Amino acid sequence: MTRIFIAALVFILVCASQGFIPKPNNYDKDMARVTKYQGLYVFMQCQPLGEYQELGTVKKTGIVWNGDPTEMYETLVKKAKKNYDDAQGIIFDDVKMEHATVIKFK
């Protein structure tokens, strides 16, 4: 009986040291899960952790009806999807939302 207990204890310790037993998640305070809007991952004043390729920039052009943040947001997302067929994400660099970077993940 003692041999079985010792063997089981050794097995558990080996598994734990090799990472087979899940450890509690230790996230950095600045990590988050971004949302998708109309099929694009949206990054507001932040950068993706994964590698990505910049496809280009979309800018606010013309007249917007009221300058409401929602209107600006939707306008730039629609332009990104229209201008870049393989777009997977959009990065809004500032709160003015006058331009955004369109990206594709590697």
PDB file of N, CA and C in Angstrom:
ATOM      1  N   MET A   1       0.826  -1.194   0.000  1.00  0.00           N
ATOM      2  CA  MET A   1       0.000   0.000   0.000  1.00  0.00           C
ATOM      3  C   MET A   1       0.867   1.253   0.000  1.00  0.00           C
ATOM      4  N   THR A   2       1.942   1.225   0.767  1.00  0.00           N
ATOM      5  CA  THR A   2       2.845   2.363   0.827  1.00  0.00           C
ATOM      6  C   THR A   2       3.507   2.597  -0.523  1.00  0.00           C
ATOM      7  N   ARG A   3       3.856   1.504  -1.216  1.00  0.00           N
ATOM      8  CA  ARG A   3       4.486   1.643  -2.527  1.00  0.00           C
ATOM      9  C   ARG A   3       3.536   2.297  -3.527  1.00  0.00           C
ATOM     10  N   ILE A   4       2.277   1.950  -3.481  1.00  0.00           N
ATOM     11  CA  ILE A   4       1.289   2.543  -4.390  1.00  0.00           C
ATOM     12  C   ILE A   4       1.150   4.033  -4.102  1.00  0.00           C
ATOM     13  N   PHE A   5       1.091   4.386  -2.831  1.00  0.00           N
ATOM     14  CA  PHE A   5       0.977   5.785  -2.432  1.00  0.00           C
ATOM     15  C   PHE A   5       2.199   6.574  -2.905  1.00  0.00           C
ATOM     16  N   ILE A   6       3.379   6.047  -2.714  1.00  0.00           N
ATOM     17  CA  ILE A   6       4.607   6.730  -3.123  1.00  0.00           C
ATOM     18  C   ILE A   6       4.657   6.858  -4.654  1.00  0.00           C
ATOM     19  N   ALA A   7       4.281   5.795  -5.360  1.00  0.00           N
ATOM     20  CA  ALA A   7       4.269   5.832  -6.825  1.00  0.00           C
ATOM     21  C   ALA A   7       3.287   6.890  -7.328  1.00  0.00           C
ATOM     22  N   ALA A   8       2.113   6.952  -6.707  1.00  0.00           N
ATOM     23  CA  ALA A   8       1.113   7.956  -7.098  1.00  0.00           C
ATOM     24  C   ALA A   8       1.625   9.366  -6.816  1.00  0.00           C
ATOM     25  N   LEU A   9       2.254   9.572  -5.702  1.00  0.00           N
ATOM     26  CA  LEU A   9       2.802  10.877  -5.338  1.00  0.00           C
ATOM     27  C   LEU A   9       3.894  11.293  -6.322  1.00  0.00           C
ATOM     28  N   VAL A  10       4.776  10.372  -6.661  1.00  0.00           N
ATOM     29  CA  VAL A  10       5.844  10.662  -7.627  1.00  0.00           C
ATOM     30  C   VAL A  10       5.234  11.001  -8.986  1.00  0.00           C
ATOM     31  N   PHE A  11       4.225  10.248  -9.406  1.00  0.00           N
ATOM     32  CA  PHE A  11       3.560  10.504 -10.681  1.00  0.00           C
ATOM     33  C   PHE A  11       2.956  11.908 -10.710  1.00  0.00           C
ATOM     34  N   ILE A  12       2.291  12.300  -9.664  1.00  0.00           N
ATOM     35  CA  ILE A  12       1.670  13.628  -9.588  1.00  0.00           C
ATOM     36  C   ILE A  12       2.729  14.725  -9.622  1.00  0.00           C
ATOM     37  N   LEU A  13       3.819  14.528  -8.909  1.00  0.00           N
ATOM     38  CA  LEU A  13       4.884  15.531  -8.899  1.00  0.00           C
ATOM     39  C   LEU A  13       5.547  15.665 -10.267  1.00  0.00           C
ATOM     40  N   VAL A  14       5.747  14.550 -10.949  1.00  0.00           N
ATOM     41  CA  VAL A  14       6.347  14.587 -12.283  1.00  0.00           C
ATOM     42  C   VAL A  14       5.400  15.298 -13.258  1.00  0.00           C
ATOM     43  N   CYS A  15       4.131  14.964 -13.195  1.00  0.00           N
ATOM     44  CA  CYS A  15       3.149  15.608 -14.073  1.00  0.00           C
ATOM     45  C   CYS A  15       3.089  17.115 -13.824  1.00  0.00           C
ATOM     46  N   ALA A  16       3.077  17.505 -12.571  1.00  0.00           N
ATOM     47  CA  ALA A  16       3.011  18.925 -12.230  1.00  0.00           C
ATOM     48  C   ALA A  16       4.251  19.661 -12.718  1.00  0.00           C
ATOM     49  N   SER A  17       5.419  19.039 -12.594  1.00  0.00           N
ATOM     50  CA  SER A  17       6.659  19.701 -13.015  1.00  0.00           C
ATOM     51  C   SER A  17       6.759  19.797 -14.529  1.00  0.00           C
ATOM     52  N   GLN A  18       6.107  18.913 -15.264  1.00  0.00           N
ATOM     53  CA  GLN A  18       6.157  18.929 -16.725  1.00  0.00           C
ATOM     54  C   GLN A  18       5.026  19.757 -17.347  1.00  0.00           C
ATOM     55  N   GLY A  19       4.152  20.284 -16.532  1.00  0.00           N
ATOM     56  CA  GLY A  19       3.082  21.134 -17.043  1.00  0.00           C
ATOM     57  C   GLY A  19       1.845  20.385 -17.481  1.00  0.00           C
ATOM     58  N   PHE A  20       1.697  19.126 -17.121  1.00  0.00           N
ATOM     59  CA  PHE A  20       0.517  18.358 -17.503  1.00  0.00           C
ATOM     60  C   PHE A  20      -0.699  18.713 -16.664  1.00  0.00           C
ATOM     61  N   ILE A  21      -0.467  19.219 -15.490  1.00  0.00           N
ATOM     62  CA  ILE A  21      -1.568  19.640 -14.625  1.00  0.00           C
ATOM     63  C   ILE A  21      -1.721  21.148 -14.794  1.00  0.00           C
ATOM     64  N   PRO A  22      -2.910  21.621 -15.147  1.00  0.00           N
ATOM     65  CA  PRO A  22      -3.088  23.048 -15.380  1.00  0.00           C
ATOM     66  C   PRO A  22      -2.753  23.870 -14.143  1.00  0.00           C
ATOM     67  N   LYS A  23      -2.097  24.980 -14.386  1.00  0.00           N
ATOM     68  CA  LYS A  23      -1.742  25.906 -13.308  1.00  0.00           C
ATOM     69  C   LYS A  23      -2.734  27.057 -13.334  1.00  0.00           C
ATOM     70  N   PRO A  24      -2.876  27.754 -12.216  1.00  0.00           N
ATOM     71  CA  PRO A  24      -3.767  28.915 -12.215  1.00  0.00           C
ATOM     72  C   PRO A  24      -3.279  29.956 -13.222  1.00  0.00           C
ATOM     73  N   ASN A  25      -4.218  30.646 -13.855  1.00  0.00           N
ATOM     74  CA  ASN A  25      -3.860  31.661 -14.846  1.00  0.00           C
ATOM     75  C   ASN A  25      -3.274  32.878 -14.157  1.00  0.00           C
ATOM     76  N   ASN A  26      -2.139  33.304 -14.635  1.00  0.00           N
ATOM     77  CA  ASN A  26      -1.497  34.519 -14.147  1.00  0.00           C
ATOM     78  C   ASN A  26      -1.435  35.506 -15.299  1.00  0.00           C
ATOM     79  N   TYR A  27      -2.421  36.378 -15.386  1.00  0.00           N
ATOM     80  CA  TYR A  27      -2.487  37.343 -16.460  1.00  0.00           C
ATOM     81  C   TYR A  27      -1.870  38.661 -16.016  1.00  0.00           C
ATOM     82  N   ASP A  28      -1.258  39.344 -16.968  1.00  0.00           N
ATOM     83  CA  ASP A  28      -0.798  40.695 -16.700  1.00  0.00           C
ATOM     84  C   ASP A  28      -2.023  41.590 -16.593  1.00  0.00           C
ATOM     85  N   LYS A  29      -1.883  42.672 -15.852  1.00  0.00           N
ATOM     86  CA  LYS A  29      -3.021  43.568 -15.651  1.00  0.00           C
ATOM     87  C   LYS A  29      -3.430  44.291 -16.924  1.00  0.00           C
ATOM     88  N   ASP A  30      -2.534  44.362 -17.896  1.00  0.00           N
ATOM     89  CA  ASP A  30      -2.871  45.078 -19.126  1.00  0.00           C
ATOM     90  C   ASP A  30      -3.365  44.158 -20.234  1.00  0.00           C
ATOM     91  N   MET A  31      -3.624  42.904 -19.926  1.00  0.00           N
ATOM     92  CA  MET A  31      -4.126  41.975 -20.941  1.00  0.00           C
ATOM     93  C   MET A  31      -5.647  42.003 -20.973  1.00  0.00           C
ATOM     94  N   ALA A  32      -6.200  41.805 -22.171  1.00  0.00           N
ATOM     95  CA  ALA A  32      -7.657  41.812 -22.318  1.00  0.00           C
ATOM     96  C   ALA A  32      -8.046  40.983 -23.532  1.00  0.00           C
ATOM     97  N   ARG A  33      -9.301  40.668 -23.637  1.00  0.00           N
ATOM     98  CA  ARG A  33      -9.839  40.002 -24.823  1.00  0.00           C
ATOM     99  C   ARG A  33     -10.616  41.069 -25.594  1.00  0.00           C
ATOM    100  N   VAL A  34     -10.244  41.275 -26.851  1.00  0.00           N
ATOM    101  CA  VAL A  34     -10.915  42.299 -27.652  1.00  0.00           C
ATOM    102  C   VAL A  34     -12.181  41.723 -28.277  1.00  0.00           C
ATOM    103  N   THR A  35     -13.059  42.616 -28.642  1.00  0.00           N
ATOM    104  CA  THR A  35     -14.312  42.189 -29.259  1.00  0.00           C
ATOM    105  C   THR A  35     -14.186  42.247 -30.778  1.00  0.00           C
ATOM    106  N   LYS A  36     -15.099  41.562 -31.427  1.00  0.00           N
ATOM    107  CA  LYS A  36     -15.188  41.612 -32.882  1.00  0.00           C
ATOM    108  C   LYS A  36     -16.411  42.445 -33.245  1.00  0.00           C
ATOM    109  N   TYR A  37     -16.255  43.232 -34.273  1.00  0.00           N
ATOM    110  CA  TYR A  37     -17.371  44.021 -34.793  1.00  0.00           C
ATOM    111  C   TYR A  37     -17.381  43.845 -36.298  1.00  0.00           C
ATOM    112  N   GLN A  38     -18.473  43.381 -36.830  1.00  0.00           N
ATOM    113  CA  GLN A  38     -18.631  43.105 -38.255  1.00  0.00           C
ATOM    114  C   GLN A  38     -17.482  42.240 -38.784  1.00  0.00           C
ATOM    115  N   GLY A  39     -17.049  41.283 -37.975  1.00  0.00           N
ATOM    116  CA  GLY A  39     -16.028  40.329 -38.393  1.00  0.00           C
ATOM    117  C   GLY A  39     -14.591  40.764 -38.187  1.00  0.00           C
ATOM    118  N   LEU A  40     -14.358  41.974 -37.674  1.00  0.00           N
ATOM    119  CA  LEU A  40     -13.002  42.458 -37.437  1.00  0.00           C
ATOM    120  C   LEU A  40     -12.711  42.554 -35.936  1.00  0.00           C
ATOM    121  N   TYR A  41     -11.507  42.156 -35.548  1.00  0.00           N
ATOM    122  CA  TYR A  41     -11.078  42.387 -34.170  1.00  0.00           C
ATOM    123  C   TYR A  41     -10.778  43.875 -34.036  1.00  0.00           C
ATOM    124  N   VAL A  42     -11.316  44.492 -32.993  1.00  0.00           N
ATOM    125  CA  VAL A  42     -11.184  45.937 -32.818  1.00  0.00           C
ATOM    126  C   VAL A  42     -10.264  46.228 -31.636  1.00  0.00           C
ATOM    127  N   PHE A  43      -9.203  46.968 -31.919  1.00  0.00           N
ATOM    128  CA  PHE A  43      -8.236  47.367 -30.905  1.00  0.00           C
ATOM    129  C   PHE A  43      -8.325  48.885 -30.733  1.00  0.00           C
ATOM    130  N   MET A  44      -8.767  49.312 -29.569  1.00  0.00           N
ATOM    131  CA  MET A  44      -8.916  50.738 -29.277  1.00  0.00           C
ATOM    132  C   MET A  44      -7.748  51.185 -28.411  1.00  0.00           C
ATOM    133  N   GLN A  45      -6.873  51.979 -28.979  1.00  0.00           N
ATOM    134  CA  GLN A  45      -5.701  52.501 -28.297  1.00  0.00           C
ATOM    135  C   GLN A  45      -4.873  51.390 -27.646  1.00  0.00           C
ATOM    136  N   CYS A  46      -4.719  50.275 -28.343  1.00  0.00           N
ATOM    137  CA  CYS A  46      -3.899  49.167 -27.859  1.00  0.00           C
ATOM    138  C   CYS A  46      -3.383  48.386 -29.063  1.00  0.00           C
ATOM    139  N   GLN A  47      -2.445  47.501 -28.816  1.00  0.00           N
ATOM    140  CA  GLN A  47      -1.818  46.727 -29.878  1.00  0.00           C
ATOM    141  C   GLN A  47      -2.075  45.241 -29.667  1.00  0.00           C
ATOM    142  N   PRO A  48      -2.255  44.476 -30.739  1.00  0.00           N
ATOM    143  CA  PRO A  48      -2.405  43.027 -30.606  1.00  0.00           C
ATOM    144  C   PRO A  48      -1.102  42.407 -30.106  1.00  0.00           C
ATOM    145  N   LEU A  49      -1.210  41.338 -29.329  1.00  0.00           N
ATOM    146  CA  LEU A  49      -0.023  40.627 -28.867  1.00  0.00           C
ATOM    147  C   LEU A  49       0.546  39.734 -29.955  1.00  0.00           C
ATOM    148  N   GLY A  50      -0.313  39.205 -30.809  1.00  0.00           N
ATOM    149  CA  GLY A  50       0.131  38.335 -31.895  1.00  0.00           C
ATOM    150  C   GLY A  50       0.768  39.132 -33.022  1.00  0.00           C
ATOM    151  N   GLU A  51       1.572  38.433 -33.817  1.00  0.00           N
ATOM    152  CA  GLU A  51       2.206  39.085 -34.960  1.00  0.00           C
ATOM    153  C   GLU A  51       1.155  39.418 -36.011  1.00  0.00           C
ATOM    154  N   TYR A  52       1.325  40.566 -36.628  1.00  0.00           N
ATOM    155  CA  TYR A  52       0.388  40.990 -37.653  1.00  0.00           C
ATOM    156  C   TYR A  52       1.099  41.788 -38.733  1.00  0.00           C
ATOM    157  N   GLN A  53       0.415  41.898 -39.851  1.00  0.00           N
ATOM    158  CA  GLN A  53       0.913  42.666 -40.989  1.00  0.00           C
ATOM    159  C   GLN A  53      -0.035  43.848 -41.177  1.00  0.00           C
ATOM    160  N   GLU A  54       0.523  45.029 -41.355  1.00  0.00           N
ATOM    161  CA  GLU A  54      -0.297  46.204 -41.624  1.00  0.00           C
ATOM    162  C   GLU A  54      -0.687  46.208 -43.093  1.00  0.00           C
ATOM    163  N   LEU A  55      -1.982  46.241 -43.351  1.00  0.00           N
ATOM    164  CA  LEU A  55      -2.465  46.257 -44.732  1.00  0.00           C
ATOM    165  C   LEU A  55      -2.582  47.674 -45.268  1.00  0.00           C
ATOM    166  N   GLY A  56      -2.851  48.612 -44.388  1.00  0.00           N
ATOM    167  CA  GLY A  56      -3.001  49.998 -44.810  1.00  0.00           C
ATOM    168  C   GLY A  56      -3.747  50.803 -43.762  1.00  0.00           C
ATOM    169  N   THR A  57      -4.120  52.001 -44.144  1.00  0.00           N
ATOM    170  CA  THR A  57      -4.801  52.915 -43.231  1.00  0.00           C
ATOM    171  C   THR A  57      -6.114  53.364 -43.853  1.00  0.00           C
ATOM    172  N   VAL A  58      -7.117  53.481 -43.025  1.00  0.00           N
ATOM    173  CA  VAL A  58      -8.376  54.088 -43.463  1.00  0.00           C
ATOM    174  C   VAL A  58      -8.530  55.408 -42.722  1.00  0.00           C
ATOM    175  N   LYS A  59      -9.020  56.410 -43.454  1.00  0.00           N
ATOM    176  CA  LYS A  59      -9.162  57.744 -42.872  1.00  0.00           C
ATOM    177  C   LYS A  59     -10.579  58.242 -43.043  1.00  0.00           C
ATOM    178  N   LYS A  60     -10.949  59.088 -42.123  1.00  0.00           N
ATOM    179  CA  LYS A  60     -12.243  59.755 -42.223  1.00  0.00           C
ATOM    180  C   LYS A  60     -12.139  60.787 -43.331  1.00  0.00           C
ATOM    181  N   THR A  61     -13.017  60.681 -44.293  1.00  0.00           N
ATOM    182  CA  THR A  61     -13.044  61.663 -45.377  1.00  0.00           C
ATOM    183  C   THR A  61     -14.465  62.166 -45.535  1.00  0.00           C
ATOM    184  N   GLY A  62     -14.589  63.335 -46.064  1.00  0.00           N
ATOM    185  CA  GLY A  62     -15.919  63.888 -46.291  1.00  0.00           C
ATOM    186  C   GLY A  62     -16.551  64.396 -45.005  1.00  0.00           C
ATOM    187  N   ILE A  63     -17.832  64.512 -45.055  1.00  0.00           N
ATOM    188  CA  ILE A  63     -18.593  65.065 -43.935  1.00  0.00           C
ATOM    189  C   ILE A  63     -19.251  63.935 -43.164  1.00  0.00           C
ATOM    190  N   VAL A  64     -19.169  64.032 -41.860  1.00  0.00           N
ATOM    191  CA  VAL A  64     -19.923  63.108 -41.014  1.00  0.00           C
ATOM    192  C   VAL A  64     -21.077  63.901 -40.430  1.00  0.00           C
ATOM    193  N   TRP A  65     -22.169  63.215 -40.202  1.00  0.00           N
ATOM    194  CA  TRP A  65     -23.386  63.928 -39.804  1.00  0.00           C
ATOM    195  C   TRP A  65     -23.263  64.623 -38.470  1.00  0.00           C
ATOM    196  N   ASN A  66     -22.803  63.908 -37.455  1.00  0.00           N
ATOM    197  CA  ASN A  66     -22.774  64.539 -36.138  1.00  0.00           C
ATOM    198  C   ASN A  66     -21.454  64.355 -35.393  1.00  0.00           C
ATOM    199  N   GLY A  67     -20.515  63.647 -35.963  1.00  0.00           N
ATOM    200  CA  GLY A  67     -19.230  63.454 -35.295  1.00  0.00           C
ATOM    201  C   GLY A  67     -19.315  62.553 -34.084  1.00  0.00           C
ATOM    202  N   ASP A  68     -20.411  61.855 -33.951  1.00  0.00           N
ATOM    203  CA  ASP A  68     -20.615  60.929 -32.841  1.00  0.00           C
ATOM    204  C   ASP A  68     -19.574  59.805 -32.926  1.00  0.00           C
ATOM    205  N   PRO A  69     -18.973  59.390 -31.813  1.00  0.00           N
ATOM    206  CA  PRO A  69     -17.982  58.321 -31.850  1.00  0.00           C
ATOM    207  C   PRO A  69     -18.494  57.048 -32.522  1.00  0.00           C
ATOM    208  N   THR A  70     -19.741  56.700 -32.312  1.00  0.00           N
ATOM    209  CA  THR A  70     -20.302  55.504 -32.928  1.00  0.00           C
ATOM    210  C   THR A  70     -20.325  55.635 -34.448  1.00  0.00           C
ATOM    211  N   GLU A  71     -20.663  56.799 -34.934  1.00  0.00           N
ATOM    212  CA  GLU A  71     -20.692  57.043 -36.372  1.00  0.00           C
ATOM    213  C   GLU A  71     -19.286  56.923 -36.960  1.00  0.00           C
ATOM    214  N   MET A  72     -18.299  57.502 -36.296  1.00  0.00           N
ATOM    215  CA  MET A  72     -16.911  57.444 -36.770  1.00  0.00           C
ATOM    216  C   MET A  72     -16.414  55.996 -36.765  1.00  0.00           C
ATOM    217  N   TYR A  73     -16.710  55.292 -35.709  1.00  0.00           N
ATOM    218  CA  TYR A  73     -16.320  53.883 -35.529  1.00  0.00           C
ATOM    219  C   TYR A  73     -16.874  53.037 -36.672  1.00  0.00           C
ATOM    220  N   GLU A  74     -18.156  53.135 -36.901  1.00  0.00           N
ATOM    221  CA  GLU A  74     -18.807  52.349 -37.952  1.00  0.00           C
ATOM    222  C   GLU A  74     -18.300  52.729 -39.341  1.00  0.00           C
ATOM    223  N   THR A  75     -18.061  54.009 -39.574  1.00  0.00           N
ATOM    224  CA  THR A  75     -17.564  54.462 -40.871  1.00  0.00           C
ATOM    225  C   THR A  75     -16.204  53.852 -41.183  1.00  0.00           C
ATOM    226  N   LEU A  76     -15.291  53.880 -40.226  1.00  0.00           N
ATOM    227  CA  LEU A  76     -13.951  53.360 -40.466  1.00  0.00           C
ATOM    228  C   LEU A  76     -13.936  51.841 -40.575  1.00  0.00           C
ATOM    229  N   VAL A  77     -14.765  51.157 -39.808  1.00  0.00           N
ATOM    230  CA  VAL A  77     -14.841  49.694 -39.923  1.00  0.00           C
ATOM    231  C   VAL A  77     -15.376  49.302 -41.300  1.00  0.00           C
ATOM    232  N   LYS A  78     -16.400  49.993 -41.767  1.00  0.00           N
ATOM    233  CA  LYS A  78     -16.957  49.704 -43.097  1.00  0.00           C
ATOM    234  C   LYS A  78     -15.926  49.963 -44.192  1.00  0.00           C
ATOM    235  N   LYS A  79     -15.161  51.057 -44.069  1.00  0.00           N
ATOM    236  CA  LYS A  79     -14.123  51.355 -45.058  1.00  0.00           C
ATOM    237  C   LYS A  79     -13.040  50.280 -45.048  1.00  0.00           C
ATOM    238  N   ALA A  80     -12.674  49.828 -43.870  1.00  0.00           N
ATOM    239  CA  ALA A  80     -11.636  48.791 -43.759  1.00  0.00           C
ATOM    240  C   ALA A  80     -12.078  47.518 -44.457  1.00  0.00           C
ATOM    241  N   LYS A  81     -13.314  47.115 -44.234  1.00  0.00           N
ATOM    242  CA  LYS A  81     -13.828  45.895 -44.864  1.00  0.00           C
ATOM    243  C   LYS A  81     -13.958  46.067 -46.378  1.00  0.00           C
ATOM    244  N   LYS A  82     -14.335  47.254 -46.811  1.00  0.00           N
ATOM    245  CA  LYS A  82     -14.512  47.512 -48.242  1.00  0.00           C
ATOM    246  C   LYS A  82     -13.163  47.574 -48.968  1.00  0.00           C
ATOM    247  N   ASN A  83     -12.188  48.244 -48.381  1.00  0.00           N
ATOM    248  CA  ASN A  83     -10.903  48.473 -49.043  1.00  0.00           C
ATOM    249  C   ASN A  83      -9.918  47.317 -48.918  1.00  0.00           C
ATOM    250  N   TYR A  84     -10.081  46.473 -47.907  1.00  0.00           N
ATOM    251  CA  TYR A  84      -9.131  45.387 -47.664  1.00  0.00           C
ATOM    252  C   TYR A  84      -9.897  44.080 -47.456  1.00  0.00           C
ATOM    253  N   ASP A  85      -9.950  43.264 -48.491  1.00  0.00           N
ATOM    254  CA  ASP A  85     -10.712  42.018 -48.445  1.00  0.00           C
ATOM    255  C   ASP A  85     -10.210  41.044 -47.387  1.00  0.00           C
ATOM    256  N   ASP A  86      -8.898  41.040 -47.142  1.00  0.00           N
ATOM    257  CA  ASP A  86      -8.334  40.083 -46.182  1.00  0.00           C
ATOM    258  C   ASP A  86      -8.102  40.681 -44.796  1.00  0.00           C
ATOM    259  N   ALA A  87      -8.760  41.790 -44.488  1.00  0.00           N
ATOM    260  CA  ALA A  87      -8.628  42.426 -43.177  1.00  0.00           C
ATOM    261  C   ALA A  87      -9.173  41.514 -42.086  1.00  0.00           C
ATOM    262  N   GLN A  88      -8.430  41.446 -40.993  1.00  0.00           N
ATOM    263  CA  GLN A  88      -8.865  40.659 -39.835  1.00  0.00           C
ATOM    264  C   GLN A  88      -9.013  41.510 -38.587  1.00  0.00           C
ATOM    265  N   GLY A  89      -8.445  42.701 -38.599  1.00  0.00           N
ATOM    266  CA  GLY A  89      -8.522  43.569 -37.429  1.00  0.00           C
ATOM    267  C   GLY A  89      -8.325  45.018 -37.811  1.00  0.00           C
ATOM    268  N   ILE A  90      -8.658  45.881 -36.871  1.00  0.00           N
ATOM    269  CA  ILE A  90      -8.499  47.316 -37.068  1.00  0.00           C
ATOM    270  C   ILE A  90      -8.003  47.918 -35.758  1.00  0.00           C
ATOM    271  N   ILE A  91      -7.012  48.810 -35.869  1.00  0.00           N
ATOM    272  CA  ILE A  91      -6.421  49.440 -34.689  1.00  0.00           C
ATOM    273  C   ILE A  91      -6.731  50.933 -34.739  1.00  0.00           C
ATOM    274  N   PHE A  92      -7.495  51.408 -33.743  1.00  0.00           N
ATOM    275  CA  PHE A  92      -7.758  52.838 -33.591  1.00  0.00           C
ATOM    276  C   PHE A  92      -6.674  53.381 -32.663  1.00  0.00           C
ATOM    277  N   ASP A  93      -5.813  54.248 -33.223  1.00  0.00           N
ATOM    278  CA  ASP A  93      -4.664  54.739 -32.468  1.00  0.00           C
ATOM    279  C   ASP A  93      -4.995  55.854 -31.488  1.00  0.00           C
ATOM    280  N   ASP A  94      -6.033  56.616 -31.767  1.00  0.00           N
ATOM    281  CA  ASP A  94      -6.369  57.726 -30.873  1.00  0.00           C
ATOM    282  C   ASP A  94      -7.882  57.852 -30.712  1.00  0.00           C
ATOM    283  N   VAL A  95      -8.280  58.660 -29.771  1.00  0.00           N
ATOM    284  CA  VAL A  95      -9.710  58.781 -29.462  1.00  0.00           C
ATOM    285  C   VAL A  95     -10.470  59.623 -30.482  1.00  0.00           C
ATOM    286  N   LYS A  96      -9.769  60.353 -31.318  1.00  0.00           N
ATOM    287  CA  LYS A  96     -10.450  61.163 -32.336  1.00  0.00           C
ATOM    288  C   LYS A  96     -11.105  60.300 -33.400  1.00  0.00           C
ATOM    289  N   MET A  97     -10.577  59.100 -33.603  1.00  0.00           N
ATOM    290  CA  MET A  97     -11.067  58.149 -34.598  1.00  0.00           C
ATOM    291  C   MET A  97     -11.142  58.767 -35.994  1.00  0.00           C
ATOM    292  N   GLU A  98     -10.108  59.539 -36.348  1.00  0.00           N
ATOM    293  CA  GLU A  98     -10.040  60.106 -37.686  1.00  0.00           C
ATOM    294  C   GLU A  98      -9.338  59.164 -38.655  1.00  0.00           C
ATOM    295  N   HIS A  99      -8.598  58.199 -38.108  1.00  0.00           N
ATOM    296  CA  HIS A  99      -7.915  57.207 -38.936  1.00  0.00           C
ATOM    297  C   HIS A  99      -7.711  55.940 -38.118  1.00  0.00           C
ATOM    298  N   ALA A 100      -7.454  54.852 -38.833  1.00  0.00           N
ATOM    299  CA  ALA A 100      -7.210  53.564 -38.176  1.00  0.00           C
ATOM    300  C   ALA A 100      -6.331  52.710 -39.084  1.00  0.00           C
ATOM    301  N   THR A 101      -5.592  51.805 -38.471  1.00  0.00           N
ATOM    302  CA  THR A 101      -4.724  50.884 -39.209  1.00  0.00           C
ATOM    303  C   THR A 101      -5.436  49.556 -39.384  1.00  0.00           C
ATOM    304  N   VAL A 102      -5.441  49.051 -40.599  1.00  0.00           N
ATOM    305  CA  VAL A 102      -6.091  47.775 -40.908  1.00  0.00           C
ATOM    306  C   VAL A 102      -5.004  46.698 -40.902  1.00  0.00           C
ATOM    307  N   ILE A 103      -5.282  45.554 -40.252  1.00  0.00           N
ATOM    308  CA  ILE A 103      -4.269  44.528 -40.094  1.00  0.00           C
ATOM    309  C   ILE A 103      -4.773  43.153 -40.513  1.00  0.00           C
ATOM    310  N   LYS A 104      -3.788  42.269 -40.736  1.00  0.00           N
ATOM    311  CA  LYS A 104      -4.037  40.847 -40.969  1.00  0.00           C
ATOM    312  C   LYS A 104      -3.045  40.093 -40.102  1.00  0.00           C
ATOM    313  N   PHE A 105      -3.514  39.071 -39.392  1.00  0.00           N
ATOM    314  CA  PHE A 105      -2.639  38.312 -38.511  1.00  0.00           C
ATOM    315  C   PHE A 105      -1.794  37.329 -39.302  1.00  0.00           C
ATOM    316  N   LYS A 106      -0.562  37.122 -38.839  1.00  0.00           N
ATOM    317  CA  LYS A 106       0.351  36.170 -39.498  1.00  0.00           C
ATOM    318  C   LYS A 106       0.104  34.775 -39.009  1.00  0.00           C
TER     319      LYS A 106
END
